[in-house]
């Protein structure tokens, strides 16, 4: 928890805070206050931080698990990500968000070794802040990453992998220029794998990011969809199974 003393909120919020403060955070444009997603499993720490952010003019969302974070980040402008979560390791969550989005991420964690910092930055976080920290420092870092984000051109959401082309905005996948008929989950699974080429995506991350469920037994859900995808892509080599770990996009 950060060092500044704050009052506590009630139950952790699930959506952007409906209150629109009169004071906008520094760097906020004319479109309204920025929305910060606080990913924190400690309800008291999360509620205190949410209240402080609202006082500074931010709207807020919160998530107590990695699976919730992977769903909620789409509606936020910035993510404050604790790395110690009950279902997924925060580094997996960071990689999962970064694979599909350029949203600014600040890792906020008690992990304080040099290796931890390196791993956090390599996983895709834009900044790394160790607990306990000062709230003013957090605000300054948030403003800094938002300035950098605004200076960068919007990234394309089209992925090309050999003859395979995936357009996330249009939700269309083509192979050798011909559309591949995919269900919603099949498309989401293929896009997730293609977003991390050469990387093994763990089963638990797939379940959390595609099926919004990192808790229940994996069963054959992922395997069934991988098998169907291989058939529709015309080769089993498009998706490689790494036994005991997960799957990665391959080359036919």
C-alpha atoms as a PDB file:
ATOM      1  CA  UNK A   1       0.000   0.000   0.000  1.00  0.00           C
ATOM      2  CA  UNK A   2       1.287   3.487  -0.708  1.00  0.00           C
ATOM      3  CA  UNK A   3       2.481   5.739   2.085  1.00  0.00           C
ATOM      4  CA  UNK A   4      -0.081   8.536   1.814  1.00  0.00           C
ATOM      5  CA  UNK A   5      -2.874   8.201   4.406  1.00  0.00           C
ATOM      6  CA  UNK A   6      -6.310   8.022   2.755  1.00  0.00           C
ATOM      7  CA  UNK A   7      -9.844   7.087   3.745  1.00  0.00           C
ATOM      8  CA  UNK A   8     -11.197   3.801   2.454  1.00  0.00           C
ATOM      9  CA  UNK A   9     -13.926   3.336  -0.108  1.00  0.00           C
ATOM     10  CA  UNK A  10     -16.669   0.786   0.016  1.00  0.00           C
ATOM     11  CA  UNK A  11     -16.684  -2.352  -2.216  1.00  0.00           C
ATOM     12  CA  UNK A  12     -14.260  -2.363  -5.115  1.00  0.00           C
ATOM     13  CA  UNK A  13     -15.803  -0.814  -8.237  1.00  0.00           C
ATOM     14  CA  UNK A  14     -16.220  -2.841 -11.416  1.00  0.00           C
ATOM     15  CA  UNK A  15     -16.781  -0.084 -13.967  1.00  0.00           C
ATOM     16  CA  UNK A  16     -15.354   3.347 -14.704  1.00  0.00           C
ATOM     17  CA  UNK A  17     -16.389   5.518 -11.796  1.00  0.00           C
ATOM     18  CA  UNK A  18     -19.624   7.326 -12.816  1.00  0.00           C
ATOM     19  CA  UNK A  19     -18.585  10.553 -11.095  1.00  0.00           C
ATOM     20  CA  UNK A  20     -17.024  13.076 -13.457  1.00  0.00           C
ATOM     21  CA  UNK A  21     -14.836  15.337 -11.273  1.00  0.00           C
ATOM     22  CA  UNK A  22     -14.477  19.016 -12.004  1.00  0.00           C
ATOM     23  CA  UNK A  23     -10.681  18.757 -11.846  1.00  0.00           C
ATOM     24  CA  UNK A  24      -9.241  16.823 -14.783  1.00  0.00           C
ATOM     25  CA  UNK A  25      -5.890  15.065 -14.364  1.00  0.00           C
ATOM     26  CA  UNK A  26      -2.894  16.756 -15.926  1.00  0.00           C
ATOM     27  CA  UNK A  27      -2.630  15.729 -19.549  1.00  0.00           C
ATOM     28  CA  UNK A  28      -6.329  14.909 -19.922  1.00  0.00           C
ATOM     29  CA  UNK A  29      -7.727  16.178 -23.172  1.00  0.00           C
ATOM     30  CA  UNK A  30     -11.152  17.546 -24.033  1.00  0.00           C
ATOM     31  CA  UNK A  31     -12.647  14.059 -24.259  1.00  0.00           C
ATOM     32  CA  UNK A  32     -12.990  13.886 -20.454  1.00  0.00           C
ATOM     33  CA  UNK A  33     -11.084  12.482 -17.494  1.00  0.00           C
ATOM     34  CA  UNK A  34      -8.738   9.576 -18.021  1.00  0.00           C
ATOM     35  CA  UNK A  35      -9.863   6.163 -16.817  1.00  0.00           C
ATOM     36  CA  UNK A  36      -7.362   4.201 -14.717  1.00  0.00           C
ATOM     37  CA  UNK A  37      -7.725   0.454 -14.226  1.00  0.00           C
ATOM     38  CA  UNK A  38      -6.398  -0.567 -10.799  1.00  0.00           C
ATOM     39  CA  UNK A  39      -5.460  -4.260 -10.718  1.00  0.00           C
ATOM     40  CA  UNK A  40      -4.996  -5.134  -7.052  1.00  0.00           C
ATOM     41  CA  UNK A  41      -6.100  -8.207  -5.068  1.00  0.00           C
ATOM     42  CA  UNK A  42      -5.947  -6.427  -1.692  1.00  0.00           C
ATOM     43  CA  UNK A  43      -9.386  -4.806  -1.430  1.00  0.00           C
ATOM     44  CA  UNK A  44      -8.330  -2.218   1.174  1.00  0.00           C
ATOM     45  CA  UNK A  45      -5.311  -1.088  -0.836  1.00  0.00           C
ATOM     46  CA  UNK A  46      -7.372  -0.994  -4.025  1.00  0.00           C
ATOM     47  CA  UNK A  47     -10.183   1.030  -2.465  1.00  0.00           C
ATOM     48  CA  UNK A  48      -7.784   3.560  -0.969  1.00  0.00           C
ATOM     49  CA  UNK A  49      -6.012   4.051  -4.290  1.00  0.00           C
ATOM     50  CA  UNK A  50      -9.292   4.306  -6.221  1.00  0.00           C
ATOM     51  CA  UNK A  51     -10.557   7.045  -3.915  1.00  0.00           C
ATOM     52  CA  UNK A  52      -7.307   8.998  -4.193  1.00  0.00           C
ATOM     53  CA  UNK A  53      -7.362   8.773  -7.994  1.00  0.00           C
ATOM     54  CA  UNK A  54     -10.949  10.022  -8.131  1.00  0.00           C
ATOM     55  CA  UNK A  55      -9.923  12.976  -5.967  1.00  0.00           C
ATOM     56  CA  UNK A  56      -7.278  13.789  -8.571  1.00  0.00           C
ATOM     57  CA  UNK A  57      -9.822  13.827 -11.398  1.00  0.00           C
ATOM     58  CA  UNK A  58      -9.501  10.287 -12.751  1.00  0.00           C
ATOM     59  CA  UNK A  59     -12.342   7.919 -13.390  1.00  0.00           C
ATOM     60  CA  UNK A  60     -11.609   4.392 -12.275  1.00  0.00           C
ATOM     61  CA  UNK A  61     -12.132   0.700 -12.847  1.00  0.00           C
ATOM     62  CA  UNK A  62     -10.814  -2.083 -10.660  1.00  0.00           C
ATOM     63  CA  UNK A  63      -9.931  -5.754 -10.981  1.00  0.00           C
ATOM     64  CA  UNK A  64      -8.945  -8.180  -8.251  1.00  0.00           C
ATOM     65  CA  UNK A  65      -7.702 -10.978 -10.520  1.00  0.00           C
ATOM     66  CA  UNK A  66      -5.690 -11.369 -13.690  1.00  0.00           C
ATOM     67  CA  UNK A  67      -8.700 -12.708 -15.580  1.00  0.00           C
ATOM     68  CA  UNK A  68     -10.711  -9.601 -14.674  1.00  0.00           C
ATOM     69  CA  UNK A  69      -7.829  -7.384 -15.779  1.00  0.00           C
ATOM     70  CA  UNK A  70      -7.620  -9.090 -19.169  1.00  0.00           C
ATOM     71  CA  UNK A  71     -11.312  -8.300 -19.691  1.00  0.00           C
ATOM     72  CA  UNK A  72     -11.405  -4.804 -18.203  1.00  0.00           C
ATOM     73  CA  UNK A  73      -8.366  -3.134 -19.775  1.00  0.00           C
ATOM     74  CA  UNK A  74     -10.230  -2.509 -23.047  1.00  0.00           C
ATOM     75  CA  UNK A  75     -12.310   0.211 -21.358  1.00  0.00           C
ATOM     76  CA  UNK A  76      -9.438   2.002 -19.616  1.00  0.00           C
ATOM     77  CA  UNK A  77      -6.773   4.530 -20.628  1.00  0.00           C
ATOM     78  CA  UNK A  78      -4.048   3.276 -18.284  1.00  0.00           C
ATOM     79  CA  UNK A  79      -3.416   0.181 -16.144  1.00  0.00           C
ATOM     80  CA  UNK A  80      -1.874   0.093 -12.651  1.00  0.00           C
ATOM     81  CA  UNK A  81      -0.946  -3.572 -12.358  1.00  0.00           C
ATOM     82  CA  UNK A  82       0.012  -5.414  -9.180  1.00  0.00           C
ATOM     83  CA  UNK A  83       2.109  -8.447 -10.137  1.00  0.00           C
ATOM     84  CA  UNK A  84       0.979 -10.647  -7.238  1.00  0.00           C
ATOM     85  CA  UNK A  85      -2.510 -11.817  -8.200  1.00  0.00           C
ATOM     86  CA  UNK A  86      -4.452 -14.869  -6.982  1.00  0.00           C
ATOM     87  CA  UNK A  87      -5.057 -16.542 -10.350  1.00  0.00           C
ATOM     88  CA  UNK A  88      -2.388 -15.454 -12.852  1.00  0.00           C
ATOM     89  CA  UNK A  89       1.110 -14.117 -12.416  1.00  0.00           C
ATOM     90  CA  UNK A  90       1.112 -10.410 -13.116  1.00  0.00           C
ATOM     91  CA  UNK A  91       3.820 -10.838 -15.746  1.00  0.00           C
ATOM     92  CA  UNK A  92       1.480 -13.135 -17.705  1.00  0.00           C
ATOM     93  CA  UNK A  93      -1.276 -10.549 -17.411  1.00  0.00           C
ATOM     94  CA  UNK A  94       1.084  -7.814 -18.596  1.00  0.00           C
ATOM     95  CA  UNK A  95       2.148  -9.865 -21.605  1.00  0.00           C
ATOM     96  CA  UNK A  96      -1.463 -10.717 -22.371  1.00  0.00           C
ATOM     97  CA  UNK A  97      -2.566  -7.090 -22.354  1.00  0.00           C
ATOM     98  CA  UNK A  98       0.473  -5.941 -24.317  1.00  0.00           C
ATOM     99  CA  UNK A  99      -0.138  -8.596 -26.971  1.00  0.00           C
ATOM    100  CA  UNK A 100      -3.423  -6.992 -27.955  1.00  0.00           C
ATOM    101  CA  UNK A 101      -3.126  -3.378 -26.807  1.00  0.00           C
ATOM    102  CA  UNK A 102      -0.723  -0.437 -26.525  1.00  0.00           C
ATOM    103  CA  UNK A 103      -2.444   0.863 -23.382  1.00  0.00           C
ATOM    104  CA  UNK A 104       0.106   2.281 -20.899  1.00  0.00           C
ATOM    105  CA  UNK A 105       0.881  -0.148 -18.050  1.00  0.00           C
ATOM    106  CA  UNK A 106       2.629   0.665 -14.775  1.00  0.00           C
ATOM    107  CA  UNK A 107       3.639  -2.334 -12.693  1.00  0.00           C
ATOM    108  CA  UNK A 108       2.951  -1.511  -9.034  1.00  0.00           C
ATOM    109  CA  UNK A 109       4.376  -4.279  -6.888  1.00  0.00           C
ATOM    110  CA  UNK A 110       6.334  -5.370  -3.838  1.00  0.00           C
ATOM    111  CA  UNK A 111       8.803  -7.248  -6.046  1.00  0.00           C
ATOM    112  CA  UNK A 112      11.857  -5.045  -5.715  1.00  0.00           C
ATOM    113  CA  UNK A 113      14.901  -6.871  -7.086  1.00  0.00           C
ATOM    114  CA  UNK A 114      16.709  -5.745 -10.222  1.00  0.00           C
ATOM    115  CA  UNK A 115      15.653  -8.981 -11.947  1.00  0.00           C
ATOM    116  CA  UNK A 116      12.010  -8.315 -11.051  1.00  0.00           C
ATOM    117  CA  UNK A 117      12.241  -4.858 -12.616  1.00  0.00           C
ATOM    118  CA  UNK A 118      13.856  -6.232 -15.756  1.00  0.00           C
ATOM    119  CA  UNK A 119      11.227  -8.961 -16.103  1.00  0.00           C
ATOM    120  CA  UNK A 120       8.423  -6.457 -15.585  1.00  0.00           C
ATOM    121  CA  UNK A 121       9.728  -4.122 -18.275  1.00  0.00           C
ATOM    122  CA  UNK A 122      10.413  -7.017 -20.636  1.00  0.00           C
ATOM    123  CA  UNK A 123       6.845  -8.247 -20.131  1.00  0.00           C
ATOM    124  CA  UNK A 124       5.597  -4.959 -21.564  1.00  0.00           C
ATOM    125  CA  UNK A 125       5.114  -2.555 -18.667  1.00  0.00           C
ATOM    126  CA  UNK A 126       5.931   1.077 -19.439  1.00  0.00           C
ATOM    127  CA  UNK A 127       7.116   1.796 -15.907  1.00  0.00           C
ATOM    128  CA  UNK A 128       7.788  -0.068 -12.661  1.00  0.00           C
ATOM    129  CA  UNK A 129       6.997   1.228  -9.186  1.00  0.00           C
ATOM    130  CA  UNK A 130       7.885  -0.643  -5.986  1.00  0.00           C
ATOM    131  CA  UNK A 131       5.626  -0.665  -2.906  1.00  0.00           C
ATOM    132  CA  UNK A 132       5.514   1.234  -0.623  1.00  0.00           C
ATOM    133  CA  UNK A 133       5.528   4.347  -2.763  1.00  0.00           C
ATOM    134  CA  UNK A 134       4.451   7.970  -2.537  1.00  0.00           C
ATOM    135  CA  UNK A 135       1.145   8.843  -4.201  1.00  0.00           C
ATOM    136  CA  UNK A 136       2.604  11.986  -5.770  1.00  0.00           C
ATOM    137  CA  UNK A 137       5.314   9.896  -7.412  1.00  0.00           C
ATOM    138  CA  UNK A 138       2.657   7.553  -8.791  1.00  0.00           C
ATOM    139  CA  UNK A 139       0.735  10.493 -10.267  1.00  0.00           C
ATOM    140  CA  UNK A 140       3.907  11.854 -11.865  1.00  0.00           C
ATOM    141  CA  UNK A 141       4.681   8.485 -13.413  1.00  0.00           C
ATOM    142  CA  UNK A 142       1.104   8.159 -14.696  1.00  0.00           C
ATOM    143  CA  UNK A 143       1.319  11.565 -16.334  1.00  0.00           C
ATOM    144  CA  UNK A 144       4.697  10.691 -17.872  1.00  0.00           C
ATOM    145  CA  UNK A 145       3.560   7.435 -19.463  1.00  0.00           C
ATOM    146  CA  UNK A 146       0.410   9.117 -20.787  1.00  0.00           C
ATOM    147  CA  UNK A 147       2.499  11.863 -22.404  1.00  0.00           C
ATOM    148  CA  UNK A 148       4.665   9.228 -24.093  1.00  0.00           C
ATOM    149  CA  UNK A 149       1.596   7.282 -25.198  1.00  0.00           C
ATOM    150  CA  UNK A 150       0.055  10.350 -26.836  1.00  0.00           C
ATOM    151  CA  UNK A 151       3.262  11.054 -28.729  1.00  0.00           C
ATOM    152  CA  UNK A 152       3.220   7.596 -30.332  1.00  0.00           C
ATOM    153  CA  UNK A 153       1.190   6.838 -33.475  1.00  0.00           C
ATOM    154  CA  UNK A 154      -1.719   4.444 -33.015  1.00  0.00           C
ATOM    155  CA  UNK A 155      -0.561   0.902 -33.624  1.00  0.00           C
ATOM    156  CA  UNK A 156      -2.214  -1.132 -36.333  1.00  0.00           C
ATOM    157  CA  UNK A 157      -4.262  -4.084 -35.227  1.00  0.00           C
ATOM    158  CA  UNK A 158      -3.485  -6.107 -38.338  1.00  0.00           C
ATOM    159  CA  UNK A 159      -1.121  -9.043 -37.941  1.00  0.00           C
ATOM    160  CA  UNK A 160       0.552 -10.740 -40.900  1.00  0.00           C
ATOM    161  CA  UNK A 161       2.223 -14.113 -40.435  1.00  0.00           C
ATOM    162  CA  UNK A 162       3.282 -15.555 -43.766  1.00  0.00           C
ATOM    163  CA  UNK A 163       0.117 -16.097 -45.828  1.00  0.00           C
ATOM    164  CA  UNK A 164      -2.038 -15.586 -42.723  1.00  0.00           C
ATOM    165  CA  UNK A 165      -3.488 -12.104 -42.148  1.00  0.00           C
ATOM    166  CA  UNK A 166      -5.563 -11.171 -39.123  1.00  0.00           C
ATOM    167  CA  UNK A 167      -7.490  -7.900 -38.889  1.00  0.00           C
ATOM    168  CA  UNK A 168      -8.587  -7.410 -35.273  1.00  0.00           C
ATOM    169  CA  UNK A 169     -10.751  -4.354 -35.963  1.00  0.00           C
ATOM    170  CA  UNK A 170     -12.734  -6.081 -38.701  1.00  0.00           C
ATOM    171  CA  UNK A 171     -12.417  -9.482 -36.967  1.00  0.00           C
ATOM    172  CA  UNK A 172     -11.452 -11.092 -40.250  1.00  0.00           C
ATOM    173  CA  UNK A 173      -8.741 -13.684 -40.861  1.00  0.00           C
ATOM    174  CA  UNK A 174      -7.565 -14.550 -44.360  1.00  0.00           C
ATOM    175  CA  UNK A 175      -5.226 -17.256 -45.596  1.00  0.00           C
ATOM    176  CA  UNK A 176      -3.645 -16.733 -49.017  1.00  0.00           C
ATOM    177  CA  UNK A 177      -6.182 -13.935 -49.490  1.00  0.00           C
ATOM    178  CA  UNK A 178      -9.197 -16.145 -48.797  1.00  0.00           C
ATOM    179  CA  UNK A 179     -11.408 -15.608 -45.713  1.00  0.00           C
ATOM    180  CA  UNK A 180     -11.230 -18.230 -42.978  1.00  0.00           C
ATOM    181  CA  UNK A 181     -14.620 -18.909 -41.408  1.00  0.00           C
ATOM    182  CA  UNK A 182     -14.001 -18.667 -37.650  1.00  0.00           C
ATOM    183  CA  UNK A 183     -16.240 -18.533 -34.612  1.00  0.00           C
ATOM    184  CA  UNK A 184     -15.725 -15.714 -32.098  1.00  0.00           C
ATOM    185  CA  UNK A 185     -13.651 -17.860 -29.752  1.00  0.00           C
ATOM    186  CA  UNK A 186     -11.618 -19.354 -32.595  1.00  0.00           C
ATOM    187  CA  UNK A 187     -10.779 -15.861 -33.827  1.00  0.00           C
ATOM    188  CA  UNK A 188      -9.851 -14.669 -30.344  1.00  0.00           C
ATOM    189  CA  UNK A 189      -7.611 -17.701 -29.817  1.00  0.00           C
ATOM    190  CA  UNK A 190      -5.882 -17.290 -33.173  1.00  0.00           C
ATOM    191  CA  UNK A 191      -5.363 -13.570 -32.634  1.00  0.00           C
ATOM    192  CA  UNK A 192      -3.908 -14.162 -29.178  1.00  0.00           C
ATOM    193  CA  UNK A 193      -1.388 -16.687 -30.509  1.00  0.00           C
ATOM    194  CA  UNK A 194      -0.521 -14.503 -33.499  1.00  0.00           C
ATOM    195  CA  UNK A 195      -0.025 -11.483 -31.222  1.00  0.00           C
ATOM    196  CA  UNK A 196       2.868 -13.301 -29.534  1.00  0.00           C
ATOM    197  CA  UNK A 197       4.722 -14.992 -32.414  1.00  0.00           C
ATOM    198  CA  UNK A 198       7.374 -17.423 -31.280  1.00  0.00           C
ATOM    199  CA  UNK A 199       6.094 -17.271 -27.701  1.00  0.00           C
ATOM    200  CA  UNK A 200       4.428 -20.151 -25.890  1.00  0.00           C
ATOM    201  CA  UNK A 201       1.115 -18.877 -24.520  1.00  0.00           C
ATOM    202  CA  UNK A 202       0.198 -20.778 -21.331  1.00  0.00           C
ATOM    203  CA  UNK A 203      -3.114 -22.614 -21.157  1.00  0.00           C
ATOM    204  CA  UNK A 204      -4.181 -20.606 -18.128  1.00  0.00           C
ATOM    205  CA  UNK A 205      -3.594 -17.321 -19.951  1.00  0.00           C
ATOM    206  CA  UNK A 206      -5.583 -18.600 -22.922  1.00  0.00           C
ATOM    207  CA  UNK A 207      -8.470 -19.579 -20.658  1.00  0.00           C
ATOM    208  CA  UNK A 208      -8.368 -16.204 -18.914  1.00  0.00           C
ATOM    209  CA  UNK A 209      -8.073 -14.088 -22.031  1.00  0.00           C
ATOM    210  CA  UNK A 210     -10.318 -15.992 -24.434  1.00  0.00           C
ATOM    211  CA  UNK A 211     -12.814 -17.616 -22.084  1.00  0.00           C
ATOM    212  CA  UNK A 212     -12.624 -15.126 -19.169  1.00  0.00           C
ATOM    213  CA  UNK A 213     -11.957 -18.029 -16.826  1.00  0.00           C
ATOM    214  CA  UNK A 214      -8.653 -18.829 -15.169  1.00  0.00           C
ATOM    215  CA  UNK A 215     -10.135 -20.801 -12.285  1.00  0.00           C
ATOM    216  CA  UNK A 216     -12.057 -23.798 -13.618  1.00  0.00           C
ATOM    217  CA  UNK A 217     -10.299 -26.964 -14.833  1.00  0.00           C
ATOM    218  CA  UNK A 218      -9.080 -26.516 -18.387  1.00  0.00           C
ATOM    219  CA  UNK A 219     -10.616 -29.762 -19.656  1.00  0.00           C
ATOM    220  CA  UNK A 220     -10.541 -30.143 -23.403  1.00  0.00           C
ATOM    221  CA  UNK A 221     -11.866 -26.678 -24.275  1.00  0.00           C
ATOM    222  CA  UNK A 222      -8.582 -25.256 -25.548  1.00  0.00           C
ATOM    223  CA  UNK A 223      -7.529 -28.500 -27.238  1.00  0.00           C
ATOM    224  CA  UNK A 224     -10.845 -28.763 -29.078  1.00  0.00           C
ATOM    225  CA  UNK A 225     -10.613 -25.214 -30.411  1.00  0.00           C
ATOM    226  CA  UNK A 226      -6.960 -25.670 -31.386  1.00  0.00           C
ATOM    227  CA  UNK A 227      -7.867 -28.834 -33.306  1.00  0.00           C
ATOM    228  CA  UNK A 228     -10.690 -27.027 -35.118  1.00  0.00           C
ATOM    229  CA  UNK A 229      -8.417 -24.097 -35.940  1.00  0.00           C
ATOM    230  CA  UNK A 230      -5.788 -26.415 -37.395  1.00  0.00           C
ATOM    231  CA  UNK A 231      -8.424 -27.975 -39.619  1.00  0.00           C
ATOM    232  CA  UNK A 232      -9.690 -24.625 -40.856  1.00  0.00           C
ATOM    233  CA  UNK A 233      -6.148 -23.407 -41.527  1.00  0.00           C
ATOM    234  CA  UNK A 234      -5.382 -26.609 -43.418  1.00  0.00           C
ATOM    235  CA  UNK A 235      -2.345 -27.748 -41.439  1.00  0.00           C
ATOM    236  CA  UNK A 236      -1.620 -28.957 -37.920  1.00  0.00           C
ATOM    237  CA  UNK A 237       1.704 -27.103 -38.077  1.00  0.00           C
ATOM    238  CA  UNK A 238      -0.018 -23.728 -37.805  1.00  0.00           C
ATOM    239  CA  UNK A 239      -0.381 -24.255 -34.048  1.00  0.00           C
ATOM    240  CA  UNK A 240       2.309 -26.063 -32.075  1.00  0.00           C
ATOM    241  CA  UNK A 241       1.537 -27.791 -28.780  1.00  0.00           C
ATOM    242  CA  UNK A 242       4.172 -27.422 -26.061  1.00  0.00           C
ATOM    243  CA  UNK A 243       3.255 -30.266 -23.751  1.00  0.00           C
ATOM    244  CA  UNK A 244       2.510 -29.249 -20.196  1.00  0.00           C
ATOM    245  CA  UNK A 245       2.755 -25.525 -20.999  1.00  0.00           C
ATOM    246  CA  UNK A 246       0.542 -24.223 -23.797  1.00  0.00           C
ATOM    247  CA  UNK A 247       0.554 -23.365 -27.487  1.00  0.00           C
ATOM    248  CA  UNK A 248       2.383 -21.150 -29.948  1.00  0.00           C
ATOM    249  CA  UNK A 249       1.797 -20.072 -33.525  1.00  0.00           C
ATOM    250  CA  UNK A 250       3.878 -22.117 -35.920  1.00  0.00           C
ATOM    251  CA  UNK A 251       4.755 -22.189 -39.610  1.00  0.00           C
ATOM    252  CA  UNK A 252       2.996 -24.466 -42.097  1.00  0.00           C
END
